[in-house]
Amino acid sequence: MKPPTMQQGHSDDFQTPEWVLDYLMPYIPKKWTIWECACGKGNLVRGLQTREYRVIFSDILNGAIFDFLAQLPPISFDMILTNPPYTSKDRFLAQCYEFNKPFALLMPLTALEGQKRQALYREHGLELILLPRRVNFETPSGEGAGAWFASAWFTSGLQIGHGLTFST
C-alpha cells in the first residue's frame, strides 16, 4: 500500500530521506508493526517497507481517519517511528510516552532542551542515536536543503544500550 501524498507548502512539511533509517534498524525487530504517524509523502514508510517491515501510516494533513495526538489507530502496533512536525514535537513526545510503546522520533538535538521535555526524559528515560551528518530534508518548495541543526533519533523502549542522565 502506498502512503497518501501531502500538499507541499506547510512549514512543518519537511520530508525525511530514507537513509536516516539505517542507524535505527539494528534496534527494531523485524516482526514488529511500526506506526509512522506523521508520514507526509511517505519517505520513511517506503524505506521501512523496502527493509521488509510491516508499517501502518497516517498523517492528519492527508485526511487520516485517526489523529495520533487524539486516538490510537484501529489496528495494533508495536512501536512508533516518525519525524514529528517541528511545531508539535512536544505534544508528539508526550503522546509517545503516554502510549507506553517503544518509539523513535527524529528531532533536532535542541529537543534535549526545555524543562517540560527534560521532565519527561527524567521520568521515562531516553536514548539517543546521533546521526553522522546533518539531514538534507526535502523542503516545502520541493528542494533539498541541509539543515542548520543536527538531528538524532530520540528513542525509548528500544534498549539501544546508551542512556542519558538529566540532573534535577
N, C-alpha and C. Protein backbone atom coordinates (compact mmCIF):
# COMPACT_ATOMS: atom_id res chain seq x y z
N MET A 1 0.84 -1.17 0.00
CA MET A 1 0.00 0.00 0.00
C MET A 1 0.89 1.24 0.00
N LYS A 2 0.56 2.22 -0.83
CA LYS A 2 1.34 3.45 -0.91
C LYS A 2 0.73 4.50 -0.01
N PRO A 3 1.58 5.28 0.69
CA PRO A 3 1.05 6.35 1.52
C PRO A 3 0.45 7.46 0.67
N PRO A 4 -0.48 8.21 1.24
CA PRO A 4 -1.07 9.32 0.50
C PRO A 4 -0.07 10.45 0.33
N THR A 5 -0.35 11.35 -0.58
CA THR A 5 0.54 12.49 -0.78
C THR A 5 0.02 13.69 -0.03
N MET A 6 0.94 14.56 0.36
CA MET A 6 0.61 15.77 1.11
C MET A 6 0.80 16.97 0.22
N GLN A 7 -0.04 17.96 0.39
CA GLN A 7 0.19 19.21 -0.32
C GLN A 7 1.40 19.89 0.28
N GLN A 8 2.30 20.33 -0.58
CA GLN A 8 3.50 20.99 -0.09
C GLN A 8 3.21 22.42 0.32
N GLY A 9 4.08 22.94 1.16
CA GLY A 9 3.99 24.35 1.50
C GLY A 9 3.87 24.64 2.97
N HIS A 10 3.40 23.70 3.76
CA HIS A 10 3.25 23.93 5.19
C HIS A 10 4.63 23.99 5.84
N SER A 11 4.77 24.82 6.85
CA SER A 11 6.08 24.99 7.49
C SER A 11 6.57 23.72 8.17
N ASP A 12 5.68 22.80 8.49
CA ASP A 12 6.10 21.53 9.10
C ASP A 12 6.32 20.43 8.05
N ASP A 13 6.19 20.77 6.79
CA ASP A 13 6.30 19.80 5.70
C ASP A 13 7.75 19.66 5.24
N PHE A 14 8.57 19.07 6.08
CA PHE A 14 9.96 18.78 5.73
C PHE A 14 10.10 17.27 5.70
N GLN A 15 10.25 16.74 4.51
CA GLN A 15 10.25 15.29 4.31
C GLN A 15 11.64 14.71 4.58
N THR A 16 11.65 13.54 5.18
CA THR A 16 12.88 12.91 5.66
C THR A 16 13.42 11.90 4.65
N PRO A 17 14.70 11.97 4.35
CA PRO A 17 15.28 10.96 3.45
C PRO A 17 15.39 9.60 4.15
N GLU A 18 15.29 8.55 3.35
CA GLU A 18 15.27 7.19 3.89
C GLU A 18 16.56 6.80 4.60
N TRP A 19 17.70 7.38 4.25
CA TRP A 19 18.98 6.93 4.82
C TRP A 19 19.03 7.05 6.33
N VAL A 20 18.21 7.94 6.92
CA VAL A 20 18.25 8.09 8.38
C VAL A 20 17.80 6.81 9.10
N LEU A 21 17.07 5.95 8.38
CA LEU A 21 16.62 4.69 8.97
C LEU A 21 17.77 3.72 9.21
N ASP A 22 18.83 3.82 8.44
CA ASP A 22 19.94 2.88 8.54
C ASP A 22 20.50 2.78 9.96
N TYR A 23 20.49 3.86 10.70
CA TYR A 23 21.09 3.89 12.03
C TYR A 23 20.14 3.38 13.11
N LEU A 24 18.90 3.20 12.75
CA LEU A 24 17.88 2.76 13.69
C LEU A 24 17.54 1.28 13.54
N MET A 25 17.68 0.75 12.35
CA MET A 25 17.24 -0.61 12.03
C MET A 25 17.82 -1.72 12.92
N PRO A 26 19.07 -1.62 13.36
CA PRO A 26 19.59 -2.71 14.21
C PRO A 26 18.81 -2.90 15.52
N TYR A 27 18.01 -1.92 15.89
CA TYR A 27 17.32 -1.97 17.19
C TYR A 27 15.84 -2.31 17.08
N ILE A 28 15.36 -2.54 15.86
CA ILE A 28 13.93 -2.80 15.67
C ILE A 28 13.74 -4.22 15.16
N PRO A 29 13.08 -5.07 15.95
CA PRO A 29 12.81 -6.45 15.48
C PRO A 29 11.96 -6.46 14.21
N LYS A 30 12.31 -7.33 13.28
CA LYS A 30 11.58 -7.44 12.01
C LYS A 30 10.12 -7.82 12.20
N LYS A 31 9.81 -8.50 13.30
CA LYS A 31 8.42 -8.95 13.50
C LYS A 31 7.49 -7.83 13.97
N TRP A 32 8.04 -6.68 14.33
CA TRP A 32 7.22 -5.59 14.83
C TRP A 32 6.44 -4.90 13.72
N THR A 33 5.26 -4.39 14.10
CA THR A 33 4.49 -3.49 13.25
C THR A 33 4.80 -2.07 13.70
N ILE A 34 5.20 -1.25 12.76
CA ILE A 34 5.62 0.12 13.06
C ILE A 34 4.54 1.09 12.60
N TRP A 35 4.18 2.02 13.46
CA TRP A 35 3.24 3.07 13.10
C TRP A 35 4.03 4.33 12.76
N GLU A 36 3.99 4.75 11.50
CA GLU A 36 4.55 6.03 11.08
C GLU A 36 3.39 7.00 11.08
N CYS A 37 3.31 7.81 12.15
CA CYS A 37 2.09 8.58 12.44
C CYS A 37 2.09 10.00 11.89
N ALA A 38 3.15 10.41 11.24
CA ALA A 38 3.21 11.72 10.58
C ALA A 38 3.94 11.51 9.26
N CYS A 39 3.34 10.68 8.41
CA CYS A 39 4.07 10.13 7.26
C CYS A 39 4.33 11.11 6.13
N GLY A 40 3.59 12.21 6.08
CA GLY A 40 3.82 13.15 4.99
C GLY A 40 3.73 12.46 3.64
N LYS A 41 4.76 12.59 2.82
CA LYS A 41 4.80 11.97 1.50
C LYS A 41 5.14 10.48 1.56
N GLY A 42 5.55 10.00 2.72
CA GLY A 42 5.79 8.57 2.87
C GLY A 42 7.21 8.09 2.66
N ASN A 43 8.19 8.98 2.71
CA ASN A 43 9.58 8.55 2.52
C ASN A 43 9.99 7.49 3.53
N LEU A 44 9.68 7.71 4.80
CA LEU A 44 10.06 6.72 5.82
C LEU A 44 9.24 5.44 5.68
N VAL A 45 7.98 5.57 5.29
CA VAL A 45 7.14 4.38 5.07
C VAL A 45 7.77 3.52 3.99
N ARG A 46 8.11 4.13 2.86
CA ARG A 46 8.73 3.38 1.77
C ARG A 46 10.06 2.77 2.21
N GLY A 47 10.84 3.52 2.97
CA GLY A 47 12.11 3.00 3.46
C GLY A 47 11.93 1.80 4.36
N LEU A 48 10.93 1.83 5.21
CA LEU A 48 10.65 0.69 6.09
C LEU A 48 10.13 -0.50 5.30
N GLN A 49 9.25 -0.24 4.35
CA GLN A 49 8.72 -1.33 3.53
C GLN A 49 9.83 -1.97 2.70
N THR A 50 10.73 -1.18 2.17
CA THR A 50 11.86 -1.71 1.41
C THR A 50 12.71 -2.63 2.28
N ARG A 51 12.80 -2.28 3.56
CA ARG A 51 13.56 -3.09 4.52
C ARG A 51 12.72 -4.23 5.09
N GLU A 52 11.54 -4.44 4.52
CA GLU A 52 10.63 -5.54 4.84
C GLU A 52 10.03 -5.48 6.23
N TYR A 53 9.73 -4.26 6.69
CA TYR A 53 9.00 -4.08 7.94
C TYR A 53 7.52 -3.90 7.61
N ARG A 54 6.69 -4.32 8.53
CA ARG A 54 5.24 -4.09 8.41
C ARG A 54 4.99 -2.69 8.97
N VAL A 55 4.33 -1.85 8.17
CA VAL A 55 4.14 -0.45 8.54
C VAL A 55 2.67 -0.07 8.38
N ILE A 56 2.16 0.62 9.38
CA ILE A 56 0.90 1.33 9.22
C ILE A 56 1.26 2.81 9.25
N PHE A 57 0.48 3.63 8.57
CA PHE A 57 0.88 5.03 8.47
C PHE A 57 -0.34 5.92 8.44
N SER A 58 -0.11 7.15 8.88
CA SER A 58 -1.17 8.15 8.90
C SER A 58 -0.53 9.52 8.93
N ASP A 59 -1.32 10.49 8.58
CA ASP A 59 -0.92 11.89 8.69
C ASP A 59 -2.21 12.70 8.62
N ILE A 60 -2.47 13.50 9.64
CA ILE A 60 -3.74 14.23 9.66
C ILE A 60 -3.85 15.20 8.49
N LEU A 61 -2.73 15.65 7.96
CA LEU A 61 -2.77 16.55 6.81
C LEU A 61 -3.17 15.82 5.54
N ASN A 62 -3.15 14.49 5.58
CA ASN A 62 -3.57 13.69 4.43
C ASN A 62 -4.97 13.13 4.62
N GLY A 63 -5.69 13.60 5.63
CA GLY A 63 -7.06 13.14 5.85
C GLY A 63 -7.15 11.80 6.56
N ALA A 64 -6.18 11.47 7.40
CA ALA A 64 -6.22 10.21 8.14
C ALA A 64 -7.49 10.15 8.98
N ILE A 65 -8.03 8.95 9.13
CA ILE A 65 -9.25 8.82 9.92
C ILE A 65 -8.98 8.79 11.41
N PHE A 66 -7.71 8.75 11.79
CA PHE A 66 -7.37 8.84 13.21
C PHE A 66 -6.20 9.80 13.36
N ASP A 67 -6.20 10.50 14.46
CA ASP A 67 -5.23 11.54 14.75
C ASP A 67 -4.30 11.04 15.85
N PHE A 68 -3.02 10.99 15.57
CA PHE A 68 -2.04 10.50 16.53
C PHE A 68 -2.16 11.18 17.89
N LEU A 69 -2.43 12.46 17.88
CA LEU A 69 -2.50 13.20 19.14
C LEU A 69 -3.82 13.02 19.86
N ALA A 70 -4.77 12.31 19.25
CA ALA A 70 -6.09 12.17 19.86
C ALA A 70 -6.53 10.73 20.08
N GLN A 71 -6.03 9.79 19.28
CA GLN A 71 -6.55 8.43 19.41
C GLN A 71 -5.57 7.40 18.85
N LEU A 72 -5.76 6.17 19.27
CA LEU A 72 -4.97 5.06 18.74
C LEU A 72 -5.49 4.65 17.38
N PRO A 73 -4.63 4.07 16.54
CA PRO A 73 -5.14 3.57 15.25
C PRO A 73 -6.02 2.35 15.48
N PRO A 74 -6.83 2.00 14.48
CA PRO A 74 -7.76 0.89 14.64
C PRO A 74 -7.09 -0.49 14.58
N ILE A 75 -5.79 -0.55 14.33
CA ILE A 75 -5.09 -1.84 14.37
C ILE A 75 -3.92 -1.73 15.34
N SER A 76 -3.42 -2.89 15.78
CA SER A 76 -2.36 -2.87 16.78
C SER A 76 -1.01 -2.55 16.14
N PHE A 77 -0.11 -2.05 16.96
CA PHE A 77 1.24 -1.72 16.52
C PHE A 77 2.19 -1.98 17.67
N ASP A 78 3.47 -2.14 17.35
CA ASP A 78 4.49 -2.42 18.36
C ASP A 78 5.35 -1.21 18.70
N MET A 79 5.49 -0.28 17.76
CA MET A 79 6.29 0.91 18.03
C MET A 79 5.84 2.05 17.14
N ILE A 80 6.28 3.24 17.52
CA ILE A 80 6.02 4.47 16.76
C ILE A 80 7.36 4.95 16.22
N LEU A 81 7.37 5.33 14.96
CA LEU A 81 8.58 5.86 14.33
C LEU A 81 8.15 7.00 13.42
N THR A 82 8.69 8.19 13.64
CA THR A 82 8.33 9.32 12.79
C THR A 82 9.30 10.47 12.96
N ASN A 83 9.22 11.39 12.04
CA ASN A 83 9.82 12.71 12.17
C ASN A 83 8.64 13.63 12.45
N PRO A 84 8.40 13.96 13.73
CA PRO A 84 7.19 14.72 14.05
C PRO A 84 7.27 16.14 13.51
N PRO A 85 6.11 16.75 13.25
CA PRO A 85 6.11 18.15 12.84
C PRO A 85 6.84 18.98 13.90
N TYR A 86 7.72 19.84 13.46
CA TYR A 86 8.56 20.61 14.39
C TYR A 86 7.72 21.37 15.41
N THR A 87 6.64 21.99 14.97
CA THR A 87 5.85 22.81 15.88
C THR A 87 5.05 21.97 16.88
N SER A 88 4.96 20.66 16.65
CA SER A 88 4.19 19.78 17.55
C SER A 88 5.07 18.75 18.25
N LYS A 89 6.38 18.91 18.19
CA LYS A 89 7.26 17.86 18.72
C LYS A 89 7.04 17.59 20.20
N ASP A 90 6.72 18.61 20.99
CA ASP A 90 6.47 18.39 22.41
C ASP A 90 5.24 17.53 22.63
N ARG A 91 4.19 17.79 21.87
CA ARG A 91 2.96 17.01 22.00
C ARG A 91 3.17 15.58 21.52
N PHE A 92 3.92 15.41 20.44
CA PHE A 92 4.22 14.07 19.93
C PHE A 92 5.03 13.28 20.96
N LEU A 93 6.04 13.92 21.54
CA LEU A 93 6.88 13.26 22.54
C LEU A 93 6.04 12.82 23.74
N ALA A 94 5.23 13.72 24.27
CA ALA A 94 4.38 13.38 25.42
C ALA A 94 3.41 12.25 25.07
N GLN A 95 2.84 12.28 23.87
CA GLN A 95 1.90 11.24 23.46
C GLN A 95 2.60 9.89 23.33
N CYS A 96 3.82 9.89 22.80
CA CYS A 96 4.57 8.64 22.69
C CYS A 96 4.77 8.02 24.07
N TYR A 97 5.18 8.80 25.03
CA TYR A 97 5.34 8.27 26.39
C TYR A 97 4.00 7.79 26.94
N GLU A 98 2.92 8.52 26.64
CA GLU A 98 1.58 8.15 27.12
C GLU A 98 1.14 6.79 26.55
N PHE A 99 1.44 6.53 25.27
CA PHE A 99 1.08 5.25 24.66
C PHE A 99 1.85 4.09 25.27
N ASN A 100 2.98 4.39 25.91
CA ASN A 100 3.78 3.36 26.58
C ASN A 100 4.21 2.23 25.62
N LYS A 101 4.63 2.64 24.43
CA LYS A 101 5.17 1.72 23.43
C LYS A 101 6.56 2.22 23.07
N PRO A 102 7.43 1.34 22.58
CA PRO A 102 8.71 1.83 22.08
C PRO A 102 8.49 2.87 20.99
N PHE A 103 9.41 3.83 20.93
CA PHE A 103 9.29 4.84 19.87
C PHE A 103 10.66 5.34 19.45
N ALA A 104 10.67 5.94 18.26
CA ALA A 104 11.84 6.64 17.73
C ALA A 104 11.34 7.87 17.01
N LEU A 105 11.72 9.04 17.52
CA LEU A 105 11.33 10.30 16.91
C LEU A 105 12.59 10.99 16.40
N LEU A 106 12.60 11.37 15.14
CA LEU A 106 13.72 12.11 14.58
C LEU A 106 13.49 13.58 14.90
N MET A 107 14.36 14.13 15.75
CA MET A 107 14.17 15.51 16.18
C MET A 107 15.53 16.21 16.23
N PRO A 108 15.50 17.55 16.22
CA PRO A 108 16.75 18.28 16.35
C PRO A 108 17.34 18.08 17.74
N LEU A 109 18.67 18.15 17.82
CA LEU A 109 19.31 17.99 19.13
C LEU A 109 18.84 19.03 20.14
N THR A 110 18.33 20.15 19.67
CA THR A 110 17.80 21.16 20.59
C THR A 110 16.57 20.65 21.34
N ALA A 111 16.00 19.51 20.91
CA ALA A 111 14.87 18.92 21.63
C ALA A 111 15.32 18.34 22.97
N LEU A 112 16.62 18.33 23.25
CA LEU A 112 17.10 17.95 24.58
C LEU A 112 16.82 19.07 25.59
N GLU A 113 16.64 20.27 25.09
CA GLU A 113 16.43 21.44 25.95
C GLU A 113 14.97 21.54 26.37
N GLY A 114 14.72 22.30 27.40
CA GLY A 114 13.36 22.60 27.84
C GLY A 114 12.98 21.85 29.09
N GLN A 115 12.39 22.54 30.02
CA GLN A 115 12.02 21.95 31.30
C GLN A 115 10.99 20.84 31.16
N LYS A 116 9.97 21.05 30.34
CA LYS A 116 8.92 20.03 30.19
C LYS A 116 9.48 18.77 29.54
N ARG A 117 10.27 18.94 28.48
CA ARG A 117 10.86 17.76 27.82
C ARG A 117 11.81 17.05 28.77
N GLN A 118 12.65 17.79 29.46
CA GLN A 118 13.59 17.14 30.38
C GLN A 118 12.87 16.43 31.51
N ALA A 119 11.73 16.96 31.94
CA ALA A 119 10.94 16.26 32.96
C ALA A 119 10.44 14.92 32.41
N LEU A 120 10.00 14.90 31.16
CA LEU A 120 9.58 13.64 30.53
C LEU A 120 10.75 12.67 30.42
N TYR A 121 11.90 13.17 30.00
CA TYR A 121 13.08 12.31 29.85
C TYR A 121 13.50 11.72 31.20
N ARG A 122 13.48 12.55 32.25
CA ARG A 122 13.84 12.06 33.59
C ARG A 122 12.87 10.98 34.06
N GLU A 123 11.60 11.22 33.84
CA GLU A 123 10.57 10.28 34.32
C GLU A 123 10.58 8.96 33.54
N HIS A 124 10.73 9.04 32.23
CA HIS A 124 10.54 7.86 31.39
C HIS A 124 11.82 7.29 30.78
N GLY A 125 12.88 8.08 30.77
CA GLY A 125 14.13 7.64 30.14
C GLY A 125 14.21 8.08 28.69
N LEU A 126 15.42 8.08 28.17
CA LEU A 126 15.66 8.49 26.79
C LEU A 126 16.98 7.91 26.34
N GLU A 127 17.00 7.45 25.11
CA GLU A 127 18.25 7.03 24.47
C GLU A 127 18.32 7.74 23.12
N LEU A 128 19.53 8.15 22.75
CA LEU A 128 19.73 8.87 21.50
C LEU A 128 20.58 8.07 20.54
N ILE A 129 20.24 8.20 19.27
CA ILE A 129 21.11 7.70 18.21
C ILE A 129 21.48 8.93 17.39
N LEU A 130 22.74 9.32 17.52
CA LEU A 130 23.22 10.50 16.80
C LEU A 130 23.57 10.12 15.37
N LEU A 131 23.20 10.96 14.44
CA LEU A 131 23.47 10.71 13.03
C LEU A 131 24.86 11.25 12.68
N PRO A 132 25.53 10.64 11.71
CA PRO A 132 26.90 11.04 11.39
C PRO A 132 27.00 12.36 10.63
N ARG A 133 25.88 12.83 10.10
CA ARG A 133 25.89 14.10 9.38
C ARG A 133 24.50 14.73 9.48
N ARG A 134 24.43 15.98 9.11
CA ARG A 134 23.14 16.67 9.12
C ARG A 134 22.25 16.14 8.01
N VAL A 135 20.96 16.21 8.24
CA VAL A 135 19.98 15.65 7.31
C VAL A 135 19.62 16.69 6.24
N ASN A 136 19.61 16.26 5.01
CA ASN A 136 19.18 17.09 3.89
C ASN A 136 17.69 16.82 3.67
N PHE A 137 16.85 17.56 4.40
CA PHE A 137 15.40 17.38 4.31
C PHE A 137 14.89 17.94 3.00
N GLU A 138 13.80 17.34 2.50
CA GLU A 138 13.11 17.90 1.35
C GLU A 138 12.20 18.99 1.90
N THR A 139 12.36 20.19 1.41
CA THR A 139 11.64 21.35 1.93
C THR A 139 10.28 21.51 1.25
N PRO A 140 9.42 22.39 1.77
CA PRO A 140 8.11 22.60 1.16
C PRO A 140 8.17 22.99 -0.32
N SER A 141 9.23 23.63 -0.73
CA SER A 141 9.35 24.02 -2.14
C SER A 141 9.71 22.83 -3.03
N GLY A 142 10.03 21.69 -2.40
CA GLY A 142 10.44 20.52 -3.15
C GLY A 142 11.94 20.43 -3.31
N GLU A 143 12.64 21.45 -2.90
CA GLU A 143 14.10 21.46 -2.97
C GLU A 143 14.67 20.84 -1.70
N GLY A 144 15.80 20.20 -1.82
CA GLY A 144 16.50 19.69 -0.64
C GLY A 144 17.31 20.80 -0.01
N ALA A 145 17.47 20.73 1.30
CA ALA A 145 18.26 21.74 1.98
C ALA A 145 18.93 21.12 3.18
N GLY A 146 20.20 21.38 3.32
CA GLY A 146 20.92 20.91 4.50
C GLY A 146 20.42 21.67 5.72
N ALA A 147 20.10 20.97 6.75
CA ALA A 147 19.60 21.61 7.96
C ALA A 147 20.72 22.36 8.66
N TRP A 148 20.39 23.45 9.30
CA TRP A 148 21.37 24.20 10.08
C TRP A 148 21.58 23.55 11.44
N PHE A 149 20.78 22.53 11.74
CA PHE A 149 20.82 21.87 13.04
C PHE A 149 21.14 20.39 12.85
N ALA A 150 21.70 19.80 13.89
CA ALA A 150 21.93 18.36 13.90
C ALA A 150 20.67 17.67 14.41
N SER A 151 20.41 16.48 13.88
CA SER A 151 19.24 15.70 14.29
C SER A 151 19.70 14.39 14.89
N ALA A 152 18.81 13.76 15.65
CA ALA A 152 19.09 12.46 16.25
C ALA A 152 17.78 11.71 16.39
N TRP A 153 17.90 10.39 16.49
CA TRP A 153 16.73 9.57 16.84
C TRP A 153 16.60 9.61 18.37
N PHE A 154 15.51 10.17 18.86
CA PHE A 154 15.17 10.17 20.28
C PHE A 154 14.34 8.92 20.50
N THR A 155 14.86 7.98 21.28
CA THR A 155 14.20 6.68 21.39
C THR A 155 13.87 6.33 22.83
N SER A 156 12.91 5.45 22.95
CA SER A 156 12.55 4.87 24.24
C SER A 156 12.04 3.46 23.97
N GLY A 157 12.43 2.53 24.83
CA GLY A 157 11.94 1.16 24.72
C GLY A 157 12.66 0.30 23.70
N LEU A 158 13.69 0.82 23.05
CA LEU A 158 14.42 0.04 22.05
C LEU A 158 15.68 -0.61 22.62
N GLN A 159 16.02 -0.28 23.84
CA GLN A 159 17.17 -0.88 24.51
C GLN A 159 18.45 -0.76 23.69
N ILE A 160 18.74 0.45 23.24
CA ILE A 160 19.94 0.63 22.42
C ILE A 160 21.21 0.57 23.24
N GLY A 161 21.08 0.66 24.55
CA GLY A 161 22.23 0.41 25.41
C GLY A 161 23.00 1.61 25.90
N HIS A 162 22.59 2.79 25.49
CA HIS A 162 23.29 4.00 25.93
C HIS A 162 22.25 5.04 26.32
N GLY A 163 22.18 5.37 27.58
CA GLY A 163 21.20 6.35 28.02
C GLY A 163 21.85 7.68 28.34
N LEU A 164 21.05 8.61 28.78
CA LEU A 164 21.50 9.93 29.18
C LEU A 164 21.03 10.19 30.61
N THR A 165 21.75 11.03 31.30
CA THR A 165 21.33 11.42 32.63
C THR A 165 20.93 12.88 32.61
N PHE A 166 19.72 13.18 33.07
CA PHE A 166 19.24 14.54 33.18
C PHE A 166 19.19 14.88 34.66
N SER A 167 20.06 15.80 35.08
CA SER A 167 20.09 16.15 36.50
C SER A 167 18.93 17.06 36.87
N THR A 168 18.60 17.01 38.13
CA THR A 168 17.48 17.83 38.60
C THR A 168 17.97 19.14 39.16
